[in-house]
C-alpha atoms as a PDB file:
ATOM      1  CA  UNK A   1     128.053  79.036 101.171  1.00  0.00           C
ATOM      2  CA  UNK A   2     128.779  81.464 103.728  1.00  0.00           C
ATOM      3  CA  UNK A   3     127.607  80.339 107.392  1.00  0.00           C
ATOM      4  CA  UNK A   4     125.064  83.047 107.627  1.00  0.00           C
ATOM      5  CA  UNK A   5     123.590  82.240 104.300  1.00  0.00           C
ATOM      6  CA  UNK A   6     123.664  78.778 105.527  1.00  0.00           C
ATOM      7  CA  UNK A   7     121.685  79.149 108.347  1.00  0.00           C
ATOM      8  CA  UNK A   8     119.036  81.773 106.661  1.00  0.00           C
ATOM      9  CA  UNK A   9     118.483  78.945 103.713  1.00  0.00           C
ATOM     10  CA  UNK A  10     118.107  76.507 106.795  1.00  0.00           C
ATOM     11  CA  UNK A  11     115.562  79.132 108.690  1.00  0.00           C
ATOM     12  CA  UNK A  12     113.491  79.664 105.208  1.00  0.00           C
ATOM     13  CA  UNK A  13     112.980  76.051 104.914  1.00  0.00           C
ATOM     14  CA  UNK A  14     111.679  75.354 108.619  1.00  0.00           C
ATOM     15  CA  UNK A  15     109.434  78.303 108.415  1.00  0.00           C
ATOM     16  CA  UNK A  16     108.048  77.627 104.851  1.00  0.00           C
ATOM     17  CA  UNK A  17     108.417  73.719 105.849  1.00  0.00           C
ATOM     18  CA  UNK A  18     109.709  72.819 102.745  1.00  0.00           C
ATOM     19  CA  UNK A  19     112.259  69.656 102.459  1.00  0.00           C
ATOM     20  CA  UNK A  20     116.229  70.378 103.048  1.00  0.00           C
ATOM     21  CA  UNK A  21     116.887  70.327  99.650  1.00  0.00           C
ATOM     22  CA  UNK A  22     115.000  72.594  98.186  1.00  0.00           C
ATOM     23  CA  UNK A  23     116.778  75.423  98.996  1.00  0.00           C
ATOM     24  CA  UNK A  24     119.625  73.659 100.575  1.00  0.00           C
ATOM     25  CA  UNK A  25     122.645  72.255  99.091  1.00  0.00           C
ATOM     26  CA  UNK A  26     122.396  68.979  99.538  1.00  0.00           C
ATOM     27  CA  UNK A  27     121.924  65.618  97.546  1.00  0.00           C
ATOM     28  CA  UNK A  28     118.841  63.608  97.154  1.00  0.00           C
ATOM     29  CA  UNK A  29     119.367  59.572  96.450  1.00  0.00           C
ATOM     30  CA  UNK A  30     116.612  57.681  96.104  1.00  0.00           C
ATOM     31  CA  UNK A  31     116.938  53.490  95.683  1.00  0.00           C
ATOM     32  CA  UNK A  32     113.743  52.199  94.162  1.00  0.00           C
ATOM     33  CA  UNK A  33     113.751  47.943  95.228  1.00  0.00           C
ATOM     34  CA  UNK A  34     117.372  47.515  94.826  1.00  0.00           C
ATOM     35  CA  UNK A  35     117.000  48.349  91.170  1.00  0.00           C
ATOM     36  CA  UNK A  36     117.642  51.747  90.622  1.00  0.00           C
ATOM     37  CA  UNK A  37     119.094  54.732  92.089  1.00  0.00           C
ATOM     38  CA  UNK A  38     118.301  58.302  91.066  1.00  0.00           C
ATOM     39  CA  UNK A  39     120.758  61.167  92.702  1.00  0.00           C
ATOM     40  CA  UNK A  40     119.525  64.530  92.680  1.00  0.00           C
ATOM     41  CA  UNK A  41     121.752  67.578  93.323  1.00  0.00           C
ATOM     42  CA  UNK A  42     124.944  65.565  92.167  1.00  0.00           C
ATOM     43  CA  UNK A  43     128.249  67.354  91.162  1.00  0.00           C
ATOM     44  CA  UNK A  44     130.160  65.015  88.906  1.00  0.00           C
ATOM     45  CA  UNK A  45     130.145  61.070  87.640  1.00  0.00           C
ATOM     46  CA  UNK A  46     133.333  60.411  89.497  1.00  0.00           C
ATOM     47  CA  UNK A  47     133.827  56.307  87.726  1.00  0.00           C
ATOM     48  CA  UNK A  48     131.476  53.894  86.161  1.00  0.00           C
ATOM     49  CA  UNK A  49     132.733  50.258  86.142  1.00  0.00           C
ATOM     50  CA  UNK A  50     130.295  47.112  86.120  1.00  0.00           C
ATOM     51  CA  UNK A  51     130.076  46.722  89.911  1.00  0.00           C
ATOM     52  CA  UNK A  52     130.805  50.434  91.441  1.00  0.00           C
ATOM     53  CA  UNK A  53     129.664  53.715  90.460  1.00  0.00           C
ATOM     54  CA  UNK A  54     130.967  57.140  92.253  1.00  0.00           C
ATOM     55  CA  UNK A  55     129.482  60.626  92.045  1.00  0.00           C
ATOM     56  CA  UNK A  56     130.450  63.567  93.585  1.00  0.00           C
ATOM     57  CA  UNK A  57     127.808  65.659  95.832  1.00  0.00           C
ATOM     58  CA  UNK A  58     127.898  68.927  97.285  1.00  0.00           C
ATOM     59  CA  UNK A  59     129.845  68.157 100.112  1.00  0.00           C
ATOM     60  CA  UNK A  60     130.838  63.879 100.051  1.00  0.00           C
ATOM     61  CA  UNK A  61     131.161  61.211  97.766  1.00  0.00           C
ATOM     62  CA  UNK A  62     128.383  58.689  97.266  1.00  0.00           C
ATOM     63  CA  UNK A  63     129.746  54.700  96.424  1.00  0.00           C
ATOM     64  CA  UNK A  64     127.148  52.671  95.162  1.00  0.00           C
ATOM     65  CA  UNK A  65     128.158  48.944  94.963  1.00  0.00           C
ATOM     66  CA  UNK A  66     126.718  46.021  93.475  1.00  0.00           C
ATOM     67  CA  UNK A  67     126.720  44.593  90.259  1.00  0.00           C
ATOM     68  CA  UNK A  68     125.574  44.808  86.347  1.00  0.00           C
ATOM     69  CA  UNK A  69     125.328  48.595  86.637  1.00  0.00           C
ATOM     70  CA  UNK A  70     124.301  50.465  83.516  1.00  0.00           C
ATOM     71  CA  UNK A  71     124.206  54.621  83.998  1.00  0.00           C
ATOM     72  CA  UNK A  72     120.617  55.272  82.460  1.00  0.00           C
ATOM     73  CA  UNK A  73     120.381  58.825  82.082  1.00  0.00           C
ATOM     74  CA  UNK A  74     123.097  62.021  83.194  1.00  0.00           C
ATOM     75  CA  UNK A  75     121.403  65.347  83.216  1.00  0.00           C
ATOM     76  CA  UNK A  76     122.624  68.347  84.579  1.00  0.00           C
ATOM     77  CA  UNK A  77     122.361  68.002  88.418  1.00  0.00           C
ATOM     78  CA  UNK A  78     120.846  64.463  87.834  1.00  0.00           C
ATOM     79  CA  UNK A  79     122.063  60.890  87.518  1.00  0.00           C
ATOM     80  CA  UNK A  80     120.117  57.402  87.374  1.00  0.00           C
ATOM     81  CA  UNK A  81     121.745  54.288  87.390  1.00  0.00           C
ATOM     82  CA  UNK A  82     120.458  50.581  87.259  1.00  0.00           C
ATOM     83  CA  UNK A  83     121.620  47.290  88.358  1.00  0.00           C
ATOM     84  CA  UNK A  84     121.814  44.852  91.330  1.00  0.00           C
ATOM     85  CA  UNK A  85     122.329  47.568  94.186  1.00  0.00           C
ATOM     86  CA  UNK A  86     124.070  46.002  97.347  1.00  0.00           C
ATOM     87  CA  UNK A  87     125.554  48.928  99.312  1.00  0.00           C
ATOM     88  CA  UNK A  88     125.192  52.284  99.680  1.00  0.00           C
ATOM     89  CA  UNK A  89     128.235  54.416 100.808  1.00  0.00           C
ATOM     90  CA  UNK A  90     129.118  57.993 101.512  1.00  0.00           C
ATOM     91  CA  UNK A  91     132.187  59.431 102.227  1.00  0.00           C
ATOM     92  CA  UNK A  92     132.928  63.344 103.366  1.00  0.00           C
ATOM     93  CA  UNK A  93     134.966  64.817 101.342  1.00  0.00           C
ATOM     94  CA  UNK A  94     139.131  64.053 102.323  1.00  0.00           C
ATOM     95  CA  UNK A  95     137.473  61.832 105.397  1.00  0.00           C
ATOM     96  CA  UNK A  96     136.550  58.056 106.142  1.00  0.00           C
ATOM     97  CA  UNK A  97     133.230  56.223 104.714  1.00  0.00           C
ATOM     98  CA  UNK A  98     130.356  56.277 106.358  1.00  0.00           C
END
């Protein structure tokens, strides 16, 4: 998204009092009790393993580490994962982990 469109979207969300994910191209990650992770506005399910799930987001990659993972739902822009979550790590595209 071009910078003027980004600034306009940001100003609109601020003015209307909306959460950032309403108009901006950002992901929302919800972790429930360390057993379920819901990722909204996901771009791609990159890797699925018993102890690691990798999900591409609009501007970074999310790594979910733990064990006994099962992907329970994949929709157009939403992914649900269940298992024992130990760690969530964000890695910028082409950069180091946060």
